[in-house]
């Protein structure tokens, strides 16, 4: 009996890992949108600060995307592929 339950749990794991990664990708997606919205808004208000704002925007974009990449790694670990 316990072998059958264990086999079913293992077969279900890749699907749950995919759902988990999909939900985990929402956060970085929203974060990137907010980052570039703030850069555009700041550039519209103060055009001379465009260089500094873009530098900070791309730096925080990279930090936000690292979260998505970590999610991909965790997905592959959880899905046993």
C-alpha atoms as a PDB file:
ATOM      1  CA  UNK A   1       0.000   0.000   0.000  1.00  0.00           C
ATOM      2  CA  UNK A   2       2.698   2.507   0.950  1.00  0.00           C
ATOM      3  CA  UNK A   3       4.649   1.736  -2.246  1.00  0.00           C
ATOM      4  CA  UNK A   4       1.630   2.653  -4.348  1.00  0.00           C
ATOM      5  CA  UNK A   5       1.158   5.953  -2.501  1.00  0.00           C
ATOM      6  CA  UNK A   6       4.846   6.756  -2.868  1.00  0.00           C
ATOM      7  CA  UNK A   7       4.746   6.013  -6.606  1.00  0.00           C
ATOM      8  CA  UNK A   8       1.745   8.306  -7.027  1.00  0.00           C
ATOM      9  CA  UNK A   9       3.498  11.095  -5.112  1.00  0.00           C
ATOM     10  CA  UNK A  10       6.587  10.778  -7.308  1.00  0.00           C
ATOM     11  CA  UNK A  11       4.471  10.904 -10.469  1.00  0.00           C
ATOM     12  CA  UNK A  12       2.692  14.035  -9.221  1.00  0.00           C
ATOM     13  CA  UNK A  13       5.877  15.896  -8.270  1.00  0.00           C
ATOM     14  CA  UNK A  14       6.885  17.271 -11.740  1.00  0.00           C
ATOM     15  CA  UNK A  15       3.428  18.764 -12.267  1.00  0.00           C
ATOM     16  CA  UNK A  16       3.444  20.453  -8.883  1.00  0.00           C
ATOM     17  CA  UNK A  17       6.969  21.720  -9.517  1.00  0.00           C
ATOM     18  CA  UNK A  18       5.806  23.327 -12.770  1.00  0.00           C
ATOM     19  CA  UNK A  19       2.857  24.977 -11.035  1.00  0.00           C
ATOM     20  CA  UNK A  20       5.155  26.186  -8.260  1.00  0.00           C
ATOM     21  CA  UNK A  21       7.608  27.704 -10.715  1.00  0.00           C
ATOM     22  CA  UNK A  22       4.785  29.383 -12.604  1.00  0.00           C
ATOM     23  CA  UNK A  23       3.559  30.977  -9.406  1.00  0.00           C
ATOM     24  CA  UNK A  24       7.111  31.856  -8.413  1.00  0.00           C
ATOM     25  CA  UNK A  25       7.719  33.647 -11.706  1.00  0.00           C
ATOM     26  CA  UNK A  26       4.884  36.075 -11.007  1.00  0.00           C
ATOM     27  CA  UNK A  27       6.940  37.939  -8.395  1.00  0.00           C
ATOM     28  CA  UNK A  28       9.935  38.781 -10.597  1.00  0.00           C
ATOM     29  CA  UNK A  29       7.566  39.661 -13.446  1.00  0.00           C
ATOM     30  CA  UNK A  30       5.728  42.203 -11.321  1.00  0.00           C
ATOM     31  CA  UNK A  31       9.031  43.464  -9.927  1.00  0.00           C
ATOM     32  CA  UNK A  32      10.498  44.098 -13.395  1.00  0.00           C
ATOM     33  CA  UNK A  33       7.372  45.974 -14.411  1.00  0.00           C
ATOM     34  CA  UNK A  34       7.536  48.184 -11.329  1.00  0.00           C
ATOM     35  CA  UNK A  35      11.256  48.824 -11.802  1.00  0.00           C
ATOM     36  CA  UNK A  36      10.956  50.065 -15.363  1.00  0.00           C
ATOM     37  CA  UNK A  37       7.774  51.992 -14.593  1.00  0.00           C
ATOM     38  CA  UNK A  38       9.730  53.871 -11.934  1.00  0.00           C
ATOM     39  CA  UNK A  39      12.631  54.496 -14.346  1.00  0.00           C
ATOM     40  CA  UNK A  40      10.278  55.883 -16.997  1.00  0.00           C
ATOM     41  CA  UNK A  41       8.441  58.002 -14.439  1.00  0.00           C
ATOM     42  CA  UNK A  42      11.682  59.353 -12.987  1.00  0.00           C
ATOM     43  CA  UNK A  43      13.082  60.140 -16.428  1.00  0.00           C
ATOM     44  CA  UNK A  44       9.897  61.985 -17.359  1.00  0.00           C
ATOM     45  CA  UNK A  45      10.112  64.073 -14.188  1.00  0.00           C
ATOM     46  CA  UNK A  46      13.847  64.736 -14.315  1.00  0.00           C
ATOM     47  CA  UNK A  47      15.404  64.075 -17.741  1.00  0.00           C
ATOM     48  CA  UNK A  48      18.941  64.983 -16.654  1.00  0.00           C
ATOM     49  CA  UNK A  49      18.977  62.017 -14.251  1.00  0.00           C
ATOM     50  CA  UNK A  50      18.298  59.498 -17.024  1.00  0.00           C
ATOM     51  CA  UNK A  51      21.764  57.906 -16.900  1.00  0.00           C
ATOM     52  CA  UNK A  52      21.678  57.266 -13.155  1.00  0.00           C
ATOM     53  CA  UNK A  53      18.098  56.016 -13.277  1.00  0.00           C
ATOM     54  CA  UNK A  54      18.845  53.578 -16.095  1.00  0.00           C
ATOM     55  CA  UNK A  55      21.902  52.252 -14.276  1.00  0.00           C
ATOM     56  CA  UNK A  56      19.904  51.654 -11.110  1.00  0.00           C
ATOM     57  CA  UNK A  57      17.030  50.217 -13.156  1.00  0.00           C
ATOM     58  CA  UNK A  58      19.182  47.654 -14.923  1.00  0.00           C
ATOM     59  CA  UNK A  59      20.963  46.733 -11.691  1.00  0.00           C
ATOM     60  CA  UNK A  60      17.707  46.053  -9.881  1.00  0.00           C
ATOM     61  CA  UNK A  61      16.368  44.286 -12.993  1.00  0.00           C
ATOM     62  CA  UNK A  62      19.278  41.838 -12.809  1.00  0.00           C
ATOM     63  CA  UNK A  63      18.686  41.246  -9.111  1.00  0.00           C
ATOM     64  CA  UNK A  64      15.016  40.571  -9.756  1.00  0.00           C
ATOM     65  CA  UNK A  65      15.758  38.183 -12.620  1.00  0.00           C
ATOM     66  CA  UNK A  66      18.147  36.222 -10.413  1.00  0.00           C
ATOM     67  CA  UNK A  67      15.090  35.211  -8.402  1.00  0.00           C
ATOM     68  CA  UNK A  68      13.495  33.802 -11.543  1.00  0.00           C
ATOM     69  CA  UNK A  69      16.678  31.892 -12.400  1.00  0.00           C
ATOM     70  CA  UNK A  70      16.811  30.443  -8.905  1.00  0.00           C
ATOM     71  CA  UNK A  71      13.207  29.363  -9.445  1.00  0.00           C
ATOM     72  CA  UNK A  72      14.243  27.490 -12.614  1.00  0.00           C
ATOM     73  CA  UNK A  73      16.953  25.663 -10.685  1.00  0.00           C
ATOM     74  CA  UNK A  74      14.557  24.749  -7.904  1.00  0.00           C
ATOM     75  CA  UNK A  75      12.043  23.558 -10.504  1.00  0.00           C
ATOM     76  CA  UNK A  76      14.548  21.128 -12.015  1.00  0.00           C
ATOM     77  CA  UNK A  77      15.582  19.900  -8.588  1.00  0.00           C
ATOM     78  CA  UNK A  78      11.968  19.376  -7.518  1.00  0.00           C
ATOM     79  CA  UNK A  79      10.907  17.700 -10.760  1.00  0.00           C
ATOM     80  CA  UNK A  80      13.798  15.196 -10.628  1.00  0.00           C
ATOM     81  CA  UNK A  81      14.803  15.827 -14.237  1.00  0.00           C
END
